[in-house]
Every structure is written in C-alpha cells, then in structure tokens.
Amino acid sequence: MTPGPARRLIPAYLVTGGRSRPAGPALDRLAVLVRTDAPVPDDAGTQARRLCELLEPGALTVVECAAHLDLPVSATVFLATDLAATGLLLTRPPIPSAGQIDRSLVERLLDGLRSLP
C-alpha cells in the first residue's frame, strides 16, 4: 500500500489553547457553520482566519471544515465555538433525518393521482 500525501498535523492542544472543553456549549460535529459579516480581528489566530475564509462563500458542517483545514474534529469544534461566541460565525444544529413516512398517506396520494384524468 502506497502512503498518501504527507500531511502536516497540528496538535489539537495548539488550536484549543490547552483547554479540554469548549468555552461554550459544544457543537455537534454535523452542526452547520455560517460566516457572519463581522470583520475578523487582527489578533485572530491563523486557524481562525482560515476557518472564516473557508466559510466566506457559504455554509459547511463542522466535519467538512475539519477536513478542509486538516484539523481534528474536536479542535474544529473548539475553534467554531470560540468564533461563534465572538460573533464571527453562526451555528445551526444538524438537520434532523426524515422521520417514518406514513404509508397510508402515500397510498391515498397515489390513489388520488391515479384517479386524475
């Protein structure tokens, strides 16, 4: 098996500032992140700037951001939580999966469609 391209991993403790828990409520890894119009402060770290730039064109989930930034998901959760607390990001809970479909409703719908001329 041929090894993949060499990745430069950043230790999670550097991104999290040595913390073991996020400053605010922890985000779900499938939470959706959206960039606000607030300007990025000059003292923002490199990873914070990269995340803000990544989200400029639209929304991504925490895990997608982690993959793009080559960061562990846990470190990306910390980073996103911090940026949301400062107003640079908006967060939205994951979109719930669809519930069970009411089969009788679908059958009635199909019967109605079939009865149309």
Protein backbone atom coordinates (compact mmCIF):
# COMPACT_ATOMS: atom_id res chain seq x y z
CA MET A 1 0.00 0.00 0.00
CA THR A 2 1.40 3.36 -1.02
CA PRO A 3 1.28 6.03 1.67
CA GLY A 4 -0.82 9.08 0.87
CA PRO A 5 0.49 12.61 0.66
CA ALA A 6 2.30 13.78 3.76
CA ARG A 7 0.02 15.86 5.98
CA ARG A 8 1.32 18.33 8.47
CA LEU A 9 -0.82 17.75 11.52
CA ILE A 10 -1.29 20.50 14.04
CA PRO A 11 -1.58 19.22 17.61
CA ALA A 12 -5.09 19.80 18.91
CA TYR A 13 -3.82 21.48 22.07
CA LEU A 14 -2.35 24.31 19.98
CA VAL A 15 -5.72 25.10 18.41
CA THR A 16 -7.63 24.73 21.68
CA GLY A 17 -5.17 26.72 23.76
CA GLY A 18 -4.63 23.73 26.02
CA ARG A 19 -8.29 23.56 27.05
CA SER A 20 -10.06 20.25 27.38
CA ARG A 21 -13.58 21.66 26.96
CA PRO A 22 -15.00 24.37 24.69
CA ALA A 23 -15.79 27.75 26.26
CA GLY A 24 -19.46 27.48 25.29
CA PRO A 25 -21.85 24.66 24.58
CA ALA A 26 -20.13 22.06 22.42
CA LEU A 27 -21.29 21.89 18.83
CA ASP A 28 -22.41 18.70 17.19
CA ARG A 29 -19.97 17.52 14.55
CA LEU A 30 -22.75 17.86 11.98
CA ALA A 31 -23.68 21.39 13.06
CA VAL A 32 -23.79 23.83 10.16
CA LEU A 33 -21.44 26.83 10.32
CA VAL A 34 -22.11 30.11 8.52
CA ARG A 35 -19.82 33.15 8.39
CA THR A 36 -21.22 36.49 9.54
CA ASP A 37 -20.30 39.90 8.14
CA ALA A 38 -18.32 40.80 11.28
CA PRO A 39 -14.69 41.66 10.49
CA VAL A 40 -12.05 39.21 11.67
CA PRO A 41 -9.99 40.87 14.43
CA ASP A 42 -6.29 41.43 13.83
CA ASP A 43 -5.38 39.23 16.80
CA ALA A 44 -7.32 36.21 15.46
CA GLY A 45 -5.17 33.12 15.09
CA THR A 46 -4.19 31.54 11.80
CA GLN A 47 -6.68 28.69 12.10
CA ALA A 48 -9.50 31.09 12.99
CA ARG A 49 -8.72 33.15 9.90
CA ARG A 50 -8.57 30.04 7.73
CA LEU A 51 -11.95 28.87 9.01
CA CYS A 52 -13.52 32.28 8.37
CA GLU A 53 -12.08 32.34 4.84
CA LEU A 54 -13.32 28.81 4.22
CA LEU A 55 -16.85 29.83 5.15
CA GLU A 56 -16.92 33.04 3.08
CA PRO A 57 -18.75 31.50 0.10
CA GLY A 58 -21.33 29.57 2.13
CA ALA A 59 -22.09 27.08 4.87
CA LEU A 60 -20.29 23.87 5.84
CA THR A 61 -20.61 21.37 8.65
CA VAL A 62 -18.01 21.11 11.40
CA VAL A 63 -16.62 17.86 9.98
CA GLU A 64 -16.34 19.33 6.49
CA CYS A 65 -14.42 22.29 7.91
CA ALA A 66 -12.14 19.94 9.84
CA ALA A 67 -11.36 18.02 6.65
CA HIS A 68 -10.61 21.19 4.68
CA LEU A 69 -8.42 22.59 7.46
CA ASP A 70 -6.66 19.26 8.18
CA LEU A 71 -7.60 19.61 11.84
CA PRO A 72 -9.10 17.07 14.22
CA VAL A 73 -12.87 17.42 14.51
CA SER A 74 -12.54 18.09 18.24
CA ALA A 75 -10.19 21.01 17.61
CA THR A 76 -12.52 22.38 14.94
CA VAL A 77 -15.41 22.23 17.44
CA PHE A 78 -13.35 24.38 19.84
CA LEU A 79 -12.43 26.81 17.11
CA ALA A 80 -16.01 27.14 15.82
CA THR A 81 -17.40 27.52 19.35
CA ASP A 82 -14.94 30.34 20.06
CA LEU A 83 -15.72 32.09 16.77
CA ALA A 84 -19.46 31.76 17.35
CA ALA A 85 -19.05 33.31 20.81
CA THR A 86 -17.31 36.32 19.26
CA GLY A 87 -19.99 36.73 16.60
CA LEU A 88 -17.85 35.70 13.63
CA LEU A 89 -19.87 32.54 12.96
CA LEU A 90 -23.47 31.50 13.21
CA THR A 91 -24.20 27.90 14.07
CA ARG A 92 -27.23 25.80 13.30
CA PRO A 93 -27.98 22.38 14.72
CA PRO A 94 -27.75 19.47 12.30
CA ILE A 95 -30.68 18.91 10.01
CA PRO A 96 -32.63 16.01 11.50
CA SER A 97 -33.11 12.94 9.39
CA ALA A 98 -36.55 12.39 7.98
CA GLY A 99 -38.97 10.52 10.18
CA GLN A 100 -41.01 7.50 9.22
CA ILE A 101 -43.26 8.03 6.24
CA ASP A 102 -46.94 7.43 6.84
CA ARG A 103 -47.57 4.66 4.32
CA SER A 104 -51.34 5.16 4.32
CA LEU A 105 -50.88 8.82 3.38
CA VAL A 106 -48.64 7.88 0.45
CA GLU A 107 -51.11 5.23 -0.70
CA ARG A 108 -54.00 7.72 -0.56
CA LEU A 109 -51.90 10.21 -2.51
CA LEU A 110 -51.11 7.62 -5.18
CA ASP A 111 -54.78 6.61 -5.39
CA GLY A 112 -55.73 10.25 -5.85
CA LEU A 113 -53.11 10.75 -8.56
CA ARG A 114 -54.23 7.62 -10.39
CA SER A 115 -57.83 8.82 -10.38
CA LEU A 116 -56.92 12.04 -12.19
CA PRO A 117 -57.85 12.10 -15.91
